[in-house]
Amino acid sequence: MQQQNFKNHSRLVPVYHYVLFTVLLATLVLTIINVVENYRQGNNLMQSIILLLMTASFTIVFLIVRQFPLKA
């Protein structure tokens, strides 16, 4: 059996790598804009910060999920 490594075991999934990454990046940018706007206006700042933390968490999970198989 051939030993697995990055060269012979890598796979590009377009929906995961392109679509989900683009959606997460756009969501992260929009939530940062939302926090700044709500900070300026003084409206719903706590909700904006919670949304930003959730989006940042999802983005971090997206990035590390692809790194774990490479370290195995």
C-alpha atoms as a PDB file:
ATOM      1  CA  MET A   1       0.000   0.000   0.000  1.00  0.00           C
ATOM      2  CA  GLN A   2       1.308   3.407  -0.960  1.00  0.00           C
ATOM      3  CA  GLN A   3       2.020   5.776   1.917  1.00  0.00           C
ATOM      4  CA  GLN A   4      -0.279   8.786   2.005  1.00  0.00           C
ATOM      5  CA  ASN A   5       1.209  12.229   1.696  1.00  0.00           C
ATOM      6  CA  PHE A   6       0.071  15.619   0.463  1.00  0.00           C
ATOM      7  CA  LYS A   7       1.141  14.986  -3.128  1.00  0.00           C
ATOM      8  CA  ASN A   8      -0.795  11.769  -3.660  1.00  0.00           C
ATOM      9  CA  HIS A   9      -3.719  12.450  -1.326  1.00  0.00           C
ATOM     10  CA  SER A  10      -4.682  16.071  -1.943  1.00  0.00           C
ATOM     11  CA  ARG A  11      -8.119  16.822  -3.275  1.00  0.00           C
ATOM     12  CA  LEU A  12      -9.731  20.071  -4.309  1.00  0.00           C
ATOM     13  CA  VAL A  13     -13.451  20.296  -3.586  1.00  0.00           C
ATOM     14  CA  PRO A  14     -14.756  23.394  -5.413  1.00  0.00           C
ATOM     15  CA  VAL A  15     -17.857  23.904  -3.246  1.00  0.00           C
ATOM     16  CA  TYR A  16     -15.761  23.726  -0.074  1.00  0.00           C
ATOM     17  CA  HIS A  17     -12.656  25.568  -1.225  1.00  0.00           C
ATOM     18  CA  TYR A  18     -14.196  28.290  -3.365  1.00  0.00           C
ATOM     19  CA  VAL A  19     -17.857  28.757  -2.488  1.00  0.00           C
ATOM     20  CA  LEU A  20     -17.700  28.246   1.280  1.00  0.00           C
ATOM     21  CA  PHE A  21     -14.475  30.238   1.603  1.00  0.00           C
ATOM     22  CA  THR A  22     -15.988  33.136  -0.369  1.00  0.00           C
ATOM     23  CA  VAL A  23     -19.178  33.075   1.708  1.00  0.00           C
ATOM     24  CA  LEU A  24     -17.223  32.995   4.977  1.00  0.00           C
ATOM     25  CA  LEU A  25     -14.906  35.783   3.873  1.00  0.00           C
ATOM     26  CA  ALA A  26     -17.813  37.973   2.766  1.00  0.00           C
ATOM     27  CA  THR A  27     -19.666  37.270   6.014  1.00  0.00           C
ATOM     28  CA  LEU A  28     -16.589  38.146   8.059  1.00  0.00           C
ATOM     29  CA  VAL A  29     -16.113  41.441   6.217  1.00  0.00           C
ATOM     30  CA  LEU A  30     -19.807  42.326   6.520  1.00  0.00           C
ATOM     31  CA  THR A  31     -19.886  41.553  10.242  1.00  0.00           C
ATOM     32  CA  ILE A  32     -16.848  43.773  10.802  1.00  0.00           C
ATOM     33  CA  ILE A  33     -18.625  46.561   8.933  1.00  0.00           C
ATOM     34  CA  ASN A  34     -21.737  45.873  11.023  1.00  0.00           C
ATOM     35  CA  VAL A  35     -19.776  46.163  14.289  1.00  0.00           C
ATOM     36  CA  VAL A  36     -18.191  49.450  13.187  1.00  0.00           C
ATOM     37  CA  GLU A  37     -21.519  50.931  12.069  1.00  0.00           C
ATOM     38  CA  ASN A  38     -23.314  49.858  15.229  1.00  0.00           C
ATOM     39  CA  TYR A  39     -20.460  51.196  17.355  1.00  0.00           C
ATOM     40  CA  ARG A  40     -20.808  54.583  15.660  1.00  0.00           C
ATOM     41  CA  GLN A  41     -24.582  54.634  16.107  1.00  0.00           C
ATOM     42  CA  GLY A  42     -24.681  52.930  19.500  1.00  0.00           C
ATOM     43  CA  ASN A  43     -27.247  50.339  18.374  1.00  0.00           C
ATOM     44  CA  ASN A  44     -27.171  46.598  19.103  1.00  0.00           C
ATOM     45  CA  LEU A  45     -23.434  46.539  19.735  1.00  0.00           C
ATOM     46  CA  MET A  46     -23.581  43.351  21.814  1.00  0.00           C
ATOM     47  CA  GLN A  47     -25.434  41.468  19.058  1.00  0.00           C
ATOM     48  CA  SER A  48     -22.921  42.677  16.484  1.00  0.00           C
ATOM     49  CA  ILE A  49     -19.987  41.535  18.597  1.00  0.00           C
ATOM     50  CA  ILE A  50     -21.578  38.113  19.164  1.00  0.00           C
ATOM     51  CA  LEU A  51     -22.180  37.770  15.428  1.00  0.00           C
ATOM     52  CA  LEU A  52     -18.560  38.748  14.735  1.00  0.00           C
ATOM     53  CA  LEU A  53     -17.260  36.180  17.224  1.00  0.00           C
ATOM     54  CA  MET A  54     -19.434  33.459  15.716  1.00  0.00           C
ATOM     55  CA  THR A  55     -18.299  34.306  12.189  1.00  0.00           C
ATOM     56  CA  ALA A  56     -14.662  34.377  13.265  1.00  0.00           C
ATOM     57  CA  SER A  57     -15.124  30.984  14.943  1.00  0.00           C
ATOM     58  CA  PHE A  58     -16.639  29.467  11.795  1.00  0.00           C
ATOM     59  CA  THR A  59     -13.782  30.874   9.721  1.00  0.00           C
ATOM     60  CA  ILE A  60     -11.186  29.404  12.088  1.00  0.00           C
ATOM     61  CA  VAL A  61     -12.924  26.011  11.990  1.00  0.00           C
ATOM     62  CA  PHE A  62     -13.003  26.189   8.180  1.00  0.00           C
ATOM     63  CA  LEU A  63      -9.245  26.792   8.099  1.00  0.00           C
ATOM     64  CA  ILE A  64      -8.177  24.154  10.629  1.00  0.00           C
ATOM     65  CA  VAL A  65     -10.467  21.400   9.344  1.00  0.00           C
ATOM     66  CA  ARG A  66      -8.341  21.174   6.214  1.00  0.00           C
ATOM     67  CA  GLN A  67      -5.087  21.226   8.195  1.00  0.00           C
ATOM     68  CA  PHE A  68      -5.765  18.241  10.470  1.00  0.00           C
ATOM     69  CA  PRO A  69      -5.631  15.571   7.728  1.00  0.00           C
ATOM     70  CA  LEU A  70      -2.312  16.982   6.530  1.00  0.00           C
ATOM     71  CA  LYS A  71      -0.745  16.494   9.958  1.00  0.00           C
ATOM     72  CA  ALA A  72      -1.873  12.882  10.348  1.00  0.00           C
END
